[in-house]
């Protein structure tokens, strides 16, 4: 290499190496001070994109966990309130059972009803005041809302709540119409549609309320059918004194012959004497002269072999608790009981078997109507019995909502665990891409510091090379 003064190649080369060492040293110091391997796109363009995508996912997962926990809190708050509502309904049910018994006086039932109505008001108050973050939960305004449970759009779980106030929960009821004593029910199909299901029962001519109820009970999910037969006997004592009445009464296969009936009290005595055999209960009010016979199971009360039919009449009670038209006793006269249908969900009936049983006249369709808890009272035994049916379905409605909430809570809890696991693994993956390896980087720092020191020393030597020309000029 020629010896020159104007151009010092050795110095220029050494300066280049010194600059490289300085740049590398600056990069190492930046990484070690920030803790990040990627501080700008020039460090690793692809890695920067991967790290940012992972950061979006990690931040989203963190918020999703918070959302899930809020959803769990909503479910827990709502369920706690519904537990209180269930406790109230259980107390109301106890009061209804108390009022349904014959040992209570009207004043006792009034006291029961006062407490019953107060509990009804409390049931509604709970539903209208249960809130979470200013949001009402149980008054029907919440409906179904999506809980965001993922880091990306539309990753949701639905949370559903219903109105559980006293004026909303209850029983979808349908009661049989007044069936005048005669030949019994009409044969034909009874189709029940509701709760997303359809069931069919084909009734036979003269089927008892017991038979009809047993076939309709559970025909679709949640449908409950009960039966009872109540008949009111009236003796025309003036006519019977002239011509005493005689007839045979058959209930559920047991038959008893009644002879020489001349008075209401006399018929009551004969009925009471044979009540156990016939499987009936007999109620005779001596003051009002009313004589009622009831089959709690809903068996047909069949009259046959009657004499002096005009002396005794019989009327049947319908599902609403009212007696229909009285009919004179005659051979093969059937008193059909009433059938009461209850369900927490709406339903409807159709078919030829509906006519004259659940629909008046020849109509072949009938639909249930809701009786809410707020519409019930326990001021008499009949109303208390109906209140029991309504309360049972109301409890079932709340249980159904709570069951759904429980399943959702379990799902949200599992989701939260999964989200936290994904967040942890995503954070670890981002660390691999983005974070600096301190052991490796400190070694790099030491290397570059050494190179910088060496380059500085060599540069000093290289800068002295042109001075050698002076010796040639001496």
Protein backbone atom coordinates (compact mmCIF):
# COMPACT_ATOMS: atom_id res chain seq x y z
CA UNK A 1 0.00 0.00 0.00
CA UNK A 2 1.38 3.40 -0.97
CA UNK A 3 2.35 5.80 1.75
CA UNK A 4 0.11 8.89 1.41
CA UNK A 5 -0.92 11.89 3.45
CA UNK A 6 -4.18 12.99 1.80
CA UNK A 7 -5.95 9.64 2.18
CA UNK A 8 -5.63 7.48 5.29
CA UNK A 9 -7.40 4.25 4.32
CA UNK A 10 -6.55 2.55 7.60
CA UNK A 11 -8.12 5.38 9.57
CA UNK A 12 -11.26 5.37 7.40
CA UNK A 13 -11.64 1.60 7.80
CA UNK A 14 -11.12 1.82 11.53
CA UNK A 15 -13.65 4.65 11.79
CA UNK A 16 -16.22 2.48 9.97
CA UNK A 17 -15.67 -0.37 12.38
CA UNK A 18 -15.85 2.01 15.32
CA UNK A 19 -19.20 3.37 14.06
CA UNK A 20 -20.56 -0.15 13.66
CA UNK A 21 -19.48 -1.06 17.20
CA UNK A 22 -21.03 2.18 18.49
CA UNK A 23 -24.32 1.48 16.69
CA UNK A 24 -24.45 -2.10 17.90
CA UNK A 25 -23.56 -0.91 21.40
CA UNK A 26 -26.38 1.65 21.30
CA UNK A 27 -28.85 -1.02 20.15
CA UNK A 28 -27.79 -3.37 22.98
CA UNK A 29 -28.11 -0.60 25.55
CA UNK A 30 -31.58 0.32 24.23
CA UNK A 31 -32.74 -3.28 24.43
CA UNK A 32 -31.33 -3.77 27.90
CA UNK A 33 -32.83 -0.52 29.18
CA UNK A 34 -36.31 -1.19 27.69
CA UNK A 35 -36.32 -4.95 28.19
CA UNK A 36 -37.60 -5.34 24.62
CA UNK A 37 -35.86 -7.01 21.71
CA UNK A 38 -38.08 -5.09 19.27
CA UNK A 39 -38.12 -1.35 19.94
CA UNK A 40 -38.93 -0.29 16.39
CA UNK A 41 -39.93 -1.87 13.13
CA UNK A 42 -36.32 -1.94 11.92
CA UNK A 43 -35.43 -4.36 14.74
CA UNK A 44 -37.83 -7.06 13.37
CA UNK A 45 -40.64 -5.99 11.04
CA UNK A 46 -42.45 -9.35 11.05
CA UNK A 47 -41.89 -9.81 14.76
CA UNK A 48 -43.38 -6.36 15.45
CA UNK A 49 -46.63 -7.35 13.69
CA UNK A 50 -46.82 -10.67 15.53
CA UNK A 51 -46.19 -8.96 18.88
CA UNK A 52 -48.88 -6.32 18.24
CA UNK A 53 -51.44 -8.96 17.26
CA UNK A 54 -50.64 -10.88 20.42
CA UNK A 55 -50.95 -7.66 22.46
CA UNK A 56 -54.43 -7.06 21.02
CA UNK A 57 -55.42 -10.59 21.93
CA UNK A 58 -53.96 -10.36 25.43
CA UNK A 59 -55.67 -7.03 26.17
CA UNK A 60 -58.96 -8.36 24.76
CA UNK A 61 -58.75 -11.50 26.84
CA UNK A 62 -58.10 -9.43 29.95
CA UNK A 63 -61.25 -7.37 29.34
CA UNK A 64 -63.22 -10.51 28.46
CA UNK A 65 -62.35 -11.99 31.86
CA UNK A 66 -63.72 -8.82 33.50
CA UNK A 67 -66.87 -9.08 31.38
CA UNK A 68 -67.33 -12.73 32.35
CA UNK A 69 -66.95 -11.91 36.03
CA UNK A 70 -69.56 -9.15 35.67
CA UNK A 71 -71.88 -11.65 34.01
CA UNK A 72 -71.37 -14.09 36.87
CA UNK A 73 -72.13 -11.31 39.35
CA UNK A 74 -75.37 -10.46 37.51
CA UNK A 75 -76.43 -14.11 37.58
CA UNK A 76 -75.59 -14.42 41.29
CA UNK A 77 -77.48 -11.23 42.14
CA UNK A 78 -80.55 -12.35 40.20
CA UNK A 79 -80.48 -15.84 41.65
CA UNK A 80 -80.16 -14.51 45.19
CA UNK A 81 -83.28 -12.39 44.66
CA UNK A 82 -85.14 -15.35 43.15
CA UNK A 83 -84.23 -17.47 46.16
CA UNK A 84 -85.93 -14.84 48.32
CA UNK A 85 -88.93 -14.93 45.95
CA UNK A 86 -89.07 -18.73 46.23
CA UNK A 87 -89.05 -18.48 50.02
CA UNK A 88 -91.98 -16.06 49.83
CA UNK A 89 -93.92 -18.36 47.50
CA UNK A 90 -93.32 -21.29 49.84
CA UNK A 91 -94.77 -19.24 52.69
CA UNK A 92 -97.75 -18.28 50.52
CA UNK A 93 -98.24 -21.94 49.67
CA UNK A 94 -98.36 -22.80 53.36
CA UNK A 95 -101.01 -20.13 53.89
CA UNK A 96 -103.03 -21.51 50.96
CA UNK A 97 -102.86 -25.01 52.43
CA UNK A 98 -104.02 -23.62 55.75
CA UNK A 99 -107.00 -21.86 54.15
CA UNK A 100 -107.89 -24.94 52.11
CA UNK A 101 -108.76 -26.96 55.18
CA UNK A 102 -112.27 -27.04 56.58
CA UNK A 103 -111.22 -26.38 60.16
CA UNK A 104 -110.70 -22.63 59.65
CA UNK A 105 -113.33 -19.99 60.20
CA UNK A 106 -113.88 -17.09 57.77
CA UNK A 107 -112.00 -14.81 60.18
CA UNK A 108 -109.06 -17.21 60.20
CA UNK A 109 -108.99 -17.24 56.41
CA UNK A 110 -109.17 -13.44 56.35
CA UNK A 111 -106.09 -13.30 58.56
CA UNK A 112 -104.33 -15.74 56.27
CA UNK A 113 -105.32 -13.68 53.25
CA UNK A 114 -104.02 -10.45 54.79
CA UNK A 115 -100.58 -12.01 55.16
CA UNK A 116 -100.92 -13.65 51.73
CA UNK A 117 -101.56 -10.30 50.04
CA UNK A 118 -98.67 -8.64 51.92
CA UNK A 119 -96.34 -11.37 50.67
CA UNK A 120 -97.70 -10.86 47.15
CA UNK A 121 -96.72 -7.19 47.34
CA UNK A 122 -93.25 -8.11 48.59
CA UNK A 123 -92.84 -10.54 45.71
CA UNK A 124 -93.46 -7.72 43.25
CA UNK A 125 -91.21 -5.31 45.18
CA UNK A 126 -88.28 -7.71 44.93
CA UNK A 127 -88.71 -8.05 41.17
CA UNK A 128 -88.85 -4.28 40.61
CA UNK A 129 -85.94 -3.31 42.88
CA UNK A 130 -83.33 -5.97 42.13
CA UNK A 131 -80.62 -4.15 40.17
CA UNK A 132 -76.99 -4.50 39.08
CA UNK A 133 -75.10 -1.36 38.15
CA UNK A 134 -78.39 0.54 37.85
CA UNK A 135 -79.85 -2.12 35.56
CA UNK A 136 -83.08 -3.80 36.68
CA UNK A 137 -82.84 -7.57 36.45
CA UNK A 138 -86.18 -9.18 37.30
CA UNK A 139 -88.88 -6.79 36.11
CA UNK A 140 -88.83 -8.08 32.53
CA UNK A 141 -86.72 -5.23 31.11
CA UNK A 142 -83.44 -7.18 31.06
CA UNK A 143 -84.59 -9.87 28.65
CA UNK A 144 -81.68 -11.63 26.95
CA UNK A 145 -78.33 -9.88 26.67
CA UNK A 146 -75.01 -10.97 25.24
CA UNK A 147 -71.96 -11.14 27.48
CA UNK A 148 -68.76 -10.49 25.49
CA UNK A 149 -66.52 -13.40 26.47
CA UNK A 150 -63.82 -13.28 23.81
CA UNK A 151 -61.10 -11.04 22.45
CA UNK A 152 -62.84 -10.75 19.06
CA UNK A 153 -66.23 -9.55 17.84
CA UNK A 154 -69.33 -11.71 18.33
CA UNK A 155 -67.70 -14.06 20.84
CA UNK A 156 -70.61 -13.94 23.29
CA UNK A 157 -72.71 -15.97 25.71
CA UNK A 158 -76.38 -15.01 26.21
CA UNK A 159 -77.71 -14.36 29.70
CA UNK A 160 -81.52 -14.47 30.03
CA UNK A 161 -83.69 -13.18 32.87
CA UNK A 162 -87.48 -13.06 33.21
CA UNK A 163 -90.11 -11.02 34.97
CA UNK A 164 -90.81 -12.80 38.28
CA UNK A 165 -93.21 -10.26 39.78
CA UNK A 166 -96.47 -11.47 41.31
CA UNK A 167 -98.46 -10.04 38.43
CA UNK A 168 -96.52 -12.02 35.85
CA UNK A 169 -95.69 -15.49 37.17
CA UNK A 170 -98.41 -18.05 37.71
CA UNK A 171 -100.21 -20.82 35.90
CA UNK A 172 -101.56 -21.14 32.38
CA UNK A 173 -104.94 -22.64 33.25
CA UNK A 174 -107.75 -24.27 31.38
CA UNK A 175 -110.72 -25.70 33.25
CA UNK A 176 -113.53 -27.84 31.94
CA UNK A 177 -116.88 -26.22 31.31
CA UNK A 178 -120.06 -27.18 33.12
CA UNK A 179 -121.10 -30.61 31.87
CA UNK A 180 -124.76 -31.14 32.58
CA UNK A 181 -125.54 -34.64 33.92
CA UNK A 182 -126.37 -36.84 30.98
CA UNK A 183 -124.54 -39.33 28.81
CA UNK A 184 -121.08 -38.03 29.71
CA UNK A 185 -118.28 -36.66 27.58
CA UNK A 186 -118.03 -36.77 23.79
CA UNK A 187 -115.64 -39.23 22.17
CA UNK A 188 -112.86 -37.77 20.09
CA UNK A 189 -109.26 -36.64 19.92
CA UNK A 190 -107.87 -34.01 22.27
CA UNK A 191 -104.71 -32.47 20.82
CA UNK A 192 -102.52 -30.49 23.20
CA UNK A 193 -99.97 -28.08 21.71
CA UNK A 194 -97.51 -26.07 23.76
CA UNK A 195 -93.96 -25.78 25.06
CA UNK A 196 -92.73 -26.77 21.60
CA UNK A 197 -94.54 -30.11 21.78
CA UNK A 198 -97.78 -31.74 20.63
CA UNK A 199 -99.57 -34.65 22.25
CA UNK A 200 -102.83 -36.42 21.48
CA UNK A 201 -105.30 -38.34 23.63
CA UNK A 202 -108.42 -39.90 22.15
CA UNK A 203 -111.22 -39.74 24.69
CA UNK A 204 -113.92 -42.37 24.80
CA UNK A 205 -117.60 -41.64 25.20
CA UNK A 206 -118.44 -41.29 28.87
CA UNK A 207 -114.81 -41.18 30.05
CA UNK A 208 -114.53 -39.99 33.63
CA UNK A 209 -112.67 -36.84 34.61
CA UNK A 210 -110.19 -39.15 36.33
CA UNK A 211 -109.48 -41.00 33.08
CA UNK A 212 -109.23 -37.80 31.06
CA UNK A 213 -106.91 -36.14 33.58
CA UNK A 214 -104.63 -39.17 33.88
CA UNK A 215 -104.18 -39.23 30.09
CA UNK A 216 -103.63 -35.48 29.74
CA UNK A 217 -101.28 -35.25 32.70
CA UNK A 218 -97.76 -34.84 31.33
CA UNK A 219 -98.96 -35.23 27.72
CA UNK A 220 -96.65 -32.31 26.96
CA UNK A 221 -93.80 -31.14 29.17
CA UNK A 222 -94.94 -29.20 32.23
CA UNK A 223 -98.67 -29.94 31.84
CA UNK A 224 -100.45 -30.99 35.03
CA UNK A 225 -104.01 -32.30 34.99
CA UNK A 226 -106.18 -32.85 38.04
CA UNK A 227 -109.75 -34.10 38.36
CA UNK A 228 -112.56 -34.13 40.86
CA UNK A 229 -116.27 -34.73 40.61
CA UNK A 230 -118.73 -32.69 42.63
CA UNK A 231 -122.48 -33.07 42.42
CA UNK A 232 -125.28 -31.31 44.28
CA UNK A 233 -128.38 -33.39 45.06
CA UNK A 234 -131.69 -31.69 45.79
CA UNK A 235 -134.78 -33.55 47.05
CA UNK A 236 -138.19 -32.09 46.26
CA UNK A 237 -139.57 -33.08 49.62
CA UNK A 238 -143.15 -32.27 48.68
CA UNK A 239 -143.06 -34.59 45.66
CA UNK A 240 -140.93 -37.22 47.42
CA UNK A 241 -143.34 -37.44 50.35
CA UNK A 242 -146.02 -38.52 47.92
CA UNK A 243 -143.76 -40.77 45.89
CA UNK A 244 -140.46 -41.67 47.60
CA UNK A 245 -137.51 -41.84 45.25
CA UNK A 246 -135.21 -44.81 44.74
CA UNK A 247 -132.05 -45.13 42.66
CA UNK A 248 -128.69 -46.83 42.44
CA UNK A 249 -125.50 -44.81 42.67
CA UNK A 250 -122.30 -46.19 41.13
CA UNK A 251 -118.92 -44.55 41.73
CA UNK A 252 -115.72 -46.14 40.48
CA UNK A 253 -117.18 -49.63 40.27
CA UNK A 254 -118.87 -49.57 43.69
CA UNK A 255 -122.67 -49.48 43.64
CA UNK A 256 -125.17 -48.69 46.40
CA UNK A 257 -128.97 -48.72 46.18
CA UNK A 258 -130.85 -45.90 47.87
CA UNK A 259 -134.50 -46.49 48.69
CA UNK A 260 -137.36 -44.50 50.13
CA UNK A 261 -135.79 -41.09 49.76
CA UNK A 262 -138.26 -38.47 50.97
CA UNK A 263 -136.15 -35.71 52.51
CA UNK A 264 -132.87 -33.95 51.95
CA UNK A 265 -131.64 -34.94 55.39
CA UNK A 266 -132.67 -38.56 54.82
CA UNK A 267 -130.69 -38.76 51.56
CA UNK A 268 -127.73 -37.14 53.31
CA UNK A 269 -127.80 -39.80 56.02
CA UNK A 270 -127.87 -42.63 53.48
CA UNK A 271 -125.04 -41.08 51.49
CA UNK A 272 -122.91 -40.60 54.60
CA UNK A 273 -123.50 -44.22 55.62
CA UNK A 274 -122.21 -45.43 52.27
CA UNK A 275 -119.52 -42.78 51.67
CA UNK A 276 -116.62 -45.09 52.46
CA UNK A 277 -117.87 -47.82 50.15
CA UNK A 278 -118.42 -45.39 47.28
CA UNK A 279 -115.19 -43.49 47.88
CA UNK A 280 -116.92 -40.15 48.21
CA UNK A 281 -117.18 -37.35 50.71
CA UNK A 282 -120.58 -35.95 51.69
CA UNK A 283 -121.25 -32.39 52.82
CA UNK A 284 -124.71 -31.48 54.16
CA UNK A 285 -125.50 -27.98 55.37
CA UNK A 286 -128.56 -28.32 57.55
CA UNK A 287 -129.15 -24.56 57.56
CA UNK A 288 -128.99 -24.05 53.81
CA UNK A 289 -130.26 -27.55 53.06
CA UNK A 290 -127.48 -28.08 50.51
CA UNK A 291 -126.21 -31.60 49.89
CA UNK A 292 -122.95 -32.03 48.00
CA UNK A 293 -121.14 -35.21 47.03
CA UNK A 294 -117.52 -35.25 45.92
CA UNK A 295 -115.21 -37.82 44.41
CA UNK A 296 -111.71 -36.45 44.97
CA UNK A 297 -110.30 -38.75 42.32
CA UNK A 298 -112.72 -37.59 39.60
CA UNK A 299 -114.74 -40.78 39.13
CA UNK A 300 -118.04 -40.59 37.28
CA UNK A 301 -121.11 -40.57 39.51
CA UNK A 302 -123.59 -42.77 37.67
CA UNK A 303 -127.30 -42.98 38.48
CA UNK A 304 -129.38 -45.97 37.37
CA UNK A 305 -132.64 -47.72 38.24
CA UNK A 306 -134.28 -44.52 39.42
CA UNK A 307 -137.93 -44.25 40.38
CA UNK A 308 -139.87 -41.07 40.97
CA UNK A 309 -137.15 -39.19 39.02
CA UNK A 310 -138.83 -35.82 39.46
CA UNK A 311 -138.37 -36.01 43.22
CA UNK A 312 -134.56 -35.68 43.08
CA UNK A 313 -132.37 -33.51 40.86
CA UNK A 314 -128.61 -33.37 40.49
CA UNK A 315 -126.27 -30.66 39.23
CA UNK A 316 -122.56 -30.90 38.39
CA UNK A 317 -119.84 -28.41 39.30
CA UNK A 318 -117.59 -27.08 36.55
CA UNK A 319 -113.90 -26.31 36.66
CA UNK A 320 -114.54 -22.74 37.78
CA UNK A 321 -116.35 -23.95 40.88
CA UNK A 322 -119.92 -23.15 39.76
CA UNK A 323 -122.81 -25.60 39.54
CA UNK A 324 -124.55 -26.02 36.21
CA UNK A 325 -128.15 -26.79 35.40
CA UNK A 326 -129.88 -29.30 37.66
CA UNK A 327 -131.27 -32.42 35.96
CA UNK A 328 -133.87 -34.87 37.22
CA UNK A 329 -132.54 -38.34 38.00
CA UNK A 330 -132.90 -40.86 35.20
CA UNK A 331 -131.53 -44.22 34.17
CA UNK A 332 -127.89 -44.20 33.00
CA UNK A 333 -127.43 -40.60 34.07
CA UNK A 334 -123.72 -39.75 34.27
CA UNK A 335 -122.32 -36.89 36.33
CA UNK A 336 -118.91 -36.12 34.86
CA UNK A 337 -116.35 -34.28 36.97
CA UNK A 338 -114.24 -31.31 36.15
CA UNK A 339 -110.71 -31.38 34.75
CA UNK A 340 -108.24 -28.62 35.54
CA UNK A 341 -105.11 -28.13 33.44
CA UNK A 342 -102.10 -26.15 34.64
CA UNK A 343 -98.76 -25.33 33.06
CA UNK A 344 -96.09 -22.68 33.48
CA UNK A 345 -96.07 -22.28 29.66
CA UNK A 346 -98.96 -21.45 27.35
CA UNK A 347 -100.78 -24.20 25.45
CA UNK A 348 -103.94 -24.85 23.46
CA UNK A 349 -106.36 -27.72 22.81
CA UNK A 350 -108.04 -28.80 19.61
CA UNK A 351 -110.03 -31.76 18.36
CA UNK A 352 -113.50 -33.25 18.58
CA UNK A 353 -112.96 -34.35 22.20
CA UNK A 354 -112.65 -30.71 23.28
CA UNK A 355 -116.29 -29.93 22.46
CA UNK A 356 -118.47 -29.76 25.52
CA UNK A 357 -115.54 -30.55 27.80
CA UNK A 358 -113.12 -27.63 27.56
CA UNK A 359 -115.12 -25.52 25.09
CA UNK A 360 -118.78 -24.65 25.19
CA UNK A 361 -121.18 -26.14 22.66
CA UNK A 362 -119.66 -27.61 19.51
CA UNK A 363 -116.44 -25.59 19.60
CA UNK A 364 -113.38 -27.80 19.13
CA UNK A 365 -110.65 -25.38 20.20
CA UNK A 366 -109.65 -23.87 23.53
CA UNK A 367 -106.62 -21.94 24.77
CA UNK A 368 -105.18 -21.57 28.24
CA UNK A 369 -105.22 -18.24 30.03
CA UNK A 370 -102.72 -17.12 32.63
CA UNK A 371 -103.73 -16.78 36.25
CA UNK A 372 -101.01 -14.86 38.07
CA UNK A 373 -100.12 -15.04 41.74
CA UNK A 374 -101.43 -11.48 42.13
CA UNK A 375 -104.86 -12.65 40.96
CA UNK A 376 -105.21 -15.29 43.67
CA UNK A 377 -106.40 -15.11 47.26
CA UNK A 378 -107.12 -17.54 50.07
CA UNK A 379 -110.42 -16.17 51.35
CA UNK A 380 -112.16 -19.53 50.93
CA UNK A 381 -111.25 -23.17 50.44
CA UNK A 382 -111.95 -23.25 46.69
CA UNK A 383 -109.83 -20.17 45.99
CA UNK A 384 -107.09 -21.55 48.22
CA UNK A 385 -107.03 -24.77 46.21
CA UNK A 386 -106.65 -22.82 42.99
CA UNK A 387 -103.95 -20.64 44.59
CA UNK A 388 -101.97 -23.81 45.30
CA UNK A 389 -101.96 -24.74 41.62
CA UNK A 390 -100.92 -21.22 40.61
CA UNK A 391 -98.14 -21.02 43.22
CA UNK A 392 -96.77 -24.44 42.26
CA UNK A 393 -96.38 -23.32 38.66
CA UNK A 394 -94.92 -19.98 39.77
CA UNK A 395 -92.30 -21.81 41.80
CA UNK A 396 -91.64 -24.00 38.78
CA UNK A 397 -91.18 -20.92 36.59
CA UNK A 398 -88.61 -19.42 38.96
CA UNK A 399 -86.88 -22.78 39.29
CA UNK A 400 -86.62 -22.94 35.51
CA UNK A 401 -85.05 -19.47 35.32
CA UNK A 402 -82.66 -20.34 38.16
CA UNK A 403 -81.74 -23.59 36.45
CA UNK A 404 -80.83 -21.68 33.29
CA UNK A 405 -78.84 -19.17 35.34
CA UNK A 406 -76.98 -21.96 37.08
CA UNK A 407 -76.00 -23.51 33.76
CA UNK A 408 -74.92 -20.09 32.46
CA UNK A 409 -72.88 -19.40 35.61
CA UNK A 410 -71.07 -22.71 35.24
CA UNK A 411 -70.42 -21.94 31.58
CA UNK A 412 -69.11 -18.46 32.40
CA UNK A 413 -66.88 -19.81 35.17
CA UNK A 414 -65.39 -22.35 32.77
CA UNK A 415 -65.00 -19.63 30.16
CA UNK A 416 -63.14 -17.38 32.62
CA UNK A 417 -60.71 -20.19 33.46
CA UNK A 418 -60.13 -20.86 29.78
CA UNK A 419 -59.64 -17.17 28.98
CA UNK A 420 -57.05 -16.79 31.72
CA UNK A 421 -55.21 -19.85 30.44
CA UNK A 422 -55.19 -18.51 26.87
CA UNK A 423 -54.08 -15.09 28.14
CA UNK A 424 -51.17 -16.66 30.02
CA UNK A 425 -50.02 -18.65 27.00
CA UNK A 426 -50.42 -15.69 24.66
CA UNK A 427 -48.36 -13.54 27.01
CA UNK A 428 -45.65 -16.18 27.03
CA UNK A 429 -45.72 -16.30 23.22
CA UNK A 430 -45.42 -12.51 22.96
CA UNK A 431 -42.51 -12.56 25.41
CA UNK A 432 -40.69 -15.01 23.17
CA UNK A 433 -41.11 -12.71 20.18
CA UNK A 434 -40.71 -9.30 21.80
CA UNK A 435 -38.73 -9.49 25.05
CA UNK A 436 -34.96 -9.31 25.14
CA UNK A 437 -32.81 -12.23 26.33
CA UNK A 438 -30.71 -10.46 28.96
CA UNK A 439 -28.04 -13.15 29.11
CA UNK A 440 -27.47 -13.00 25.36
CA UNK A 441 -27.79 -9.25 25.13
CA UNK A 442 -25.35 -8.51 27.98
CA UNK A 443 -22.80 -10.70 26.21
CA UNK A 444 -23.44 -8.68 23.06
CA UNK A 445 -23.02 -5.47 25.05
CA UNK A 446 -19.66 -6.61 26.43
CA UNK A 447 -18.54 -7.60 22.95
CA UNK A 448 -19.47 -4.26 21.44
CA UNK A 449 -17.92 -2.33 24.32
CA UNK A 450 -14.67 -4.27 23.78
CA UNK A 451 -14.77 -3.68 20.02
CA UNK A 452 -15.45 0.01 20.59
CA UNK A 453 -12.47 0.31 22.94
CA UNK A 454 -10.24 -1.63 20.54
CA UNK A 455 -11.39 0.41 17.54
CA UNK A 456 -10.71 3.62 19.43
CA UNK A 457 -7.18 2.48 20.24
CA UNK A 458 -6.52 1.31 16.68
CA UNK A 459 -7.95 4.53 15.28
CA UNK A 460 -5.41 6.44 17.31
CA UNK A 461 -2.66 4.33 15.78
CA UNK A 462 -4.09 4.65 12.29
CA UNK A 463 -4.19 8.42 12.59
CA UNK A 464 -0.44 8.43 13.26
CA UNK A 465 0.45 6.66 9.99
CA UNK A 466 0.73 9.83 7.80
CA UNK A 467 3.33 11.23 10.21
CA UNK A 468 5.77 8.60 8.88
CA UNK A 469 6.09 10.72 5.72
CA UNK A 470 8.04 13.31 7.73
CA UNK A 471 10.95 10.89 8.18
CA UNK A 472 11.18 10.54 4.42
CA UNK A 473 11.48 14.32 4.11
CA UNK A 474 14.36 14.65 6.57
